[in-house]
Every structure is written in structure tokens, then in C-alpha cells.
Amino acid sequence: MVQVLNKSSEPQVINAQEERSLAEWQQLYPDLWLLLEVTEEDEGEPQKGRLIAVDPDDITLVPLWQEYGRQGKITAMIHGIYAEPGPTVVA
């Protein structure tokens, strides 16, 4: 059986003009998913970007991510820092 998730919320669109490191954006938006337009890379790894939008659920950002991709823009979707410690894995 397939369950369909009806999510009606829209992401919070920011469209920031300032450029920051990914770590800085992660500090500013804890516990949220961030969609960034990449403005600087180092050997293919995103280093800096402009914030496009944020949302608690990454799937909500997918339509915006696809739209920017169709425009030929390089994007990154990352998670802000976690305010609460996550589970500990013991091997």
C-alpha cells in the first residue's frame, strides 16, 4: 500500500543577496533544511552561497531546487546545525 503525504506548506523563501559560507548559514538556521545557490566552490565542493529558502522538511524545497537547476544554477541543500544532540551510535 502506498501512502501519500499531503503537505500543503510552502518553504520560507529568503532570496538573500549576501554571500556566506555554508557553515555560517547552518549556524543562522538551526534545525532547518536550507537551499542555497552556490557562489564559490573548491574542487567541486560548495564553499559559499546565497540562501534561497528554508523549511523543516527537505522535500518541500525540492520544487525550488528543480526550478533553479532548470535555470542552470548550481545549488546545495544542507541541514542547519542540530540544536538537540542526535542519537549516539555505539559499534
C-alpha atoms as a PDB file:
ATOM      1  CA  MET A   1       0.000   0.000   0.000  1.00  0.00           C
ATOM      2  CA  VAL A   2       1.305   3.447  -0.933  1.00  0.00           C
ATOM      3  CA  GLN A   3       0.728   6.308   1.449  1.00  0.00           C
ATOM      4  CA  VAL A   4       0.572   9.805   0.012  1.00  0.00           C
ATOM      5  CA  LEU A   5       1.792  12.682   2.114  1.00  0.00           C
ATOM      6  CA  ASN A   6      -0.328  15.760   1.636  1.00  0.00           C
ATOM      7  CA  LYS A   7       1.985  18.595   2.545  1.00  0.00           C
ATOM      8  CA  SER A   8       0.445  21.970   1.952  1.00  0.00           C
ATOM      9  CA  SER A   9       3.093  24.201   3.474  1.00  0.00           C
ATOM     10  CA  GLU A  10       5.367  26.322   1.334  1.00  0.00           C
ATOM     11  CA  PRO A  11       9.036  26.863   2.165  1.00  0.00           C
ATOM     12  CA  GLN A  12      10.098  30.184   3.611  1.00  0.00           C
ATOM     13  CA  VAL A  13      11.685  31.903   0.625  1.00  0.00           C
ATOM     14  CA  ILE A  14      14.562  34.181   1.661  1.00  0.00           C
ATOM     15  CA  ASN A  15      16.465  35.012  -1.575  1.00  0.00           C
ATOM     16  CA  ALA A  16      19.335  36.577   0.359  1.00  0.00           C
ATOM     17  CA  GLN A  17      21.650  38.837  -1.584  1.00  0.00           C
ATOM     18  CA  GLU A  18      24.591  38.358   0.776  1.00  0.00           C
ATOM     19  CA  GLU A  19      27.028  35.531   0.289  1.00  0.00           C
ATOM     20  CA  ARG A  20      28.146  33.455   3.286  1.00  0.00           C
ATOM     21  CA  SER A  21      29.979  30.228   3.943  1.00  0.00           C
ATOM     22  CA  LEU A  22      27.785  27.151   4.252  1.00  0.00           C
ATOM     23  CA  ALA A  23      28.794  26.814   7.916  1.00  0.00           C
ATOM     24  CA  GLU A  24      27.613  30.369   8.623  1.00  0.00           C
ATOM     25  CA  TRP A  25      24.208  29.666   7.047  1.00  0.00           C
ATOM     26  CA  GLN A  26      23.940  26.460   9.080  1.00  0.00           C
ATOM     27  CA  GLN A  27      24.552  28.393  12.308  1.00  0.00           C
ATOM     28  CA  LEU A  28      21.924  31.008  11.410  1.00  0.00           C
ATOM     29  CA  TYR A  29      19.183  28.463  10.651  1.00  0.00           C
ATOM     30  CA  PRO A  30      19.443  25.588  13.156  1.00  0.00           C
ATOM     31  CA  ASP A  31      17.158  22.567  12.725  1.00  0.00           C
ATOM     32  CA  LEU A  32      16.047  23.623   9.233  1.00  0.00           C
ATOM     33  CA  TRP A  33      16.853  22.469   5.719  1.00  0.00           C
ATOM     34  CA  LEU A  34      18.498  25.158   3.613  1.00  0.00           C
ATOM     35  CA  LEU A  35      18.523  25.566  -0.156  1.00  0.00           C
ATOM     36  CA  LEU A  36      21.489  27.629  -1.338  1.00  0.00           C
ATOM     37  CA  GLU A  37      22.664  28.963  -4.669  1.00  0.00           C
ATOM     38  CA  VAL A  38      26.356  28.049  -4.736  1.00  0.00           C
ATOM     39  CA  THR A  39      28.599  31.048  -5.463  1.00  0.00           C
ATOM     40  CA  GLU A  40      32.015  29.549  -4.674  1.00  0.00           C
ATOM     41  CA  GLU A  41      33.400  26.027  -4.948  1.00  0.00           C
ATOM     42  CA  ASP A  42      36.705  24.385  -4.121  1.00  0.00           C
ATOM     43  CA  GLU A  43      37.409  21.288  -6.221  1.00  0.00           C
ATOM     44  CA  GLY A  44      33.685  20.798  -6.807  1.00  0.00           C
ATOM     45  CA  GLU A  45      32.721  21.211  -3.149  1.00  0.00           C
ATOM     46  CA  PRO A  46      30.397  24.140  -2.307  1.00  0.00           C
ATOM     47  CA  GLN A  47      32.092  26.696  -0.055  1.00  0.00           C
ATOM     48  CA  LYS A  48      29.860  29.782  -0.185  1.00  0.00           C
ATOM     49  CA  GLY A  49      26.359  30.583  -1.283  1.00  0.00           C
ATOM     50  CA  ARG A  50      23.271  32.737  -1.164  1.00  0.00           C
ATOM     51  CA  LEU A  51      20.307  31.452   0.814  1.00  0.00           C
ATOM     52  CA  ILE A  52      17.258  30.772  -1.348  1.00  0.00           C
ATOM     53  CA  ALA A  53      14.811  29.181   1.125  1.00  0.00           C
ATOM     54  CA  VAL A  54      14.461  27.213   4.366  1.00  0.00           C
ATOM     55  CA  ASP A  55      11.984  24.624   5.634  1.00  0.00           C
ATOM     56  CA  PRO A  56      11.802  21.968   8.365  1.00  0.00           C
ATOM     57  CA  ASP A  57      11.215  19.314   5.652  1.00  0.00           C
ATOM     58  CA  ASP A  58      13.703  18.842   2.822  1.00  0.00           C
ATOM     59  CA  ILE A  59      11.029  17.538   0.421  1.00  0.00           C
ATOM     60  CA  THR A  60       9.305  20.937   0.498  1.00  0.00           C
ATOM     61  CA  LEU A  61      12.424  22.517  -1.037  1.00  0.00           C
ATOM     62  CA  VAL A  62      12.568  20.095  -3.990  1.00  0.00           C
ATOM     63  CA  PRO A  63      10.388  22.124  -6.412  1.00  0.00           C
ATOM     64  CA  LEU A  64      12.573  25.216  -5.870  1.00  0.00           C
ATOM     65  CA  TRP A  65      15.725  23.082  -6.226  1.00  0.00           C
ATOM     66  CA  GLN A  66      14.410  21.721  -9.537  1.00  0.00           C
ATOM     67  CA  GLU A  67      13.482  25.209 -10.765  1.00  0.00           C
ATOM     68  CA  TYR A  68      16.971  26.562 -10.078  1.00  0.00           C
ATOM     69  CA  GLY A  69      18.502  23.505 -11.754  1.00  0.00           C
ATOM     70  CA  ARG A  70      16.470  24.128 -14.911  1.00  0.00           C
ATOM     71  CA  GLN A  71      17.904  27.653 -14.929  1.00  0.00           C
ATOM     72  CA  GLY A  72      21.411  26.164 -14.903  1.00  0.00           C
ATOM     73  CA  LYS A  73      22.213  27.373 -11.385  1.00  0.00           C
ATOM     74  CA  ILE A  74      24.302  25.272  -9.024  1.00  0.00           C
ATOM     75  CA  THR A  75      22.549  24.649  -5.721  1.00  0.00           C
ATOM     76  CA  ALA A  76      23.173  22.839  -2.462  1.00  0.00           C
ATOM     77  CA  MET A  77      20.648  21.516   0.030  1.00  0.00           C
ATOM     78  CA  ILE A  78      22.063  21.223   3.535  1.00  0.00           C
ATOM     79  CA  HIS A  79      20.738  20.978   7.068  1.00  0.00           C
ATOM     80  CA  GLY A  80      21.354  23.636   9.680  1.00  0.00           C
ATOM     81  CA  ILE A  81      23.066  22.658  12.891  1.00  0.00           C
ATOM     82  CA  TYR A  82      21.053  20.409  15.173  1.00  0.00           C
ATOM     83  CA  ALA A  83      20.023  22.198  18.365  1.00  0.00           C
ATOM     84  CA  GLU A  84      19.442  18.914  20.191  1.00  0.00           C
ATOM     85  CA  PRO A  85      22.093  16.206  20.261  1.00  0.00           C
ATOM     86  CA  GLY A  86      21.279  13.300  17.962  1.00  0.00           C
ATOM     87  CA  PRO A  87      21.379   9.608  18.781  1.00  0.00           C
ATOM     88  CA  THR A  88      24.724   8.060  19.628  1.00  0.00           C
ATOM     89  CA  VAL A  89      25.851   5.035  17.653  1.00  0.00           C
ATOM     90  CA  VAL A  90      27.996   2.542  19.518  1.00  0.00           C
ATOM     91  CA  ALA A  91      29.843  -0.032  17.438  1.00  0.00           C
END
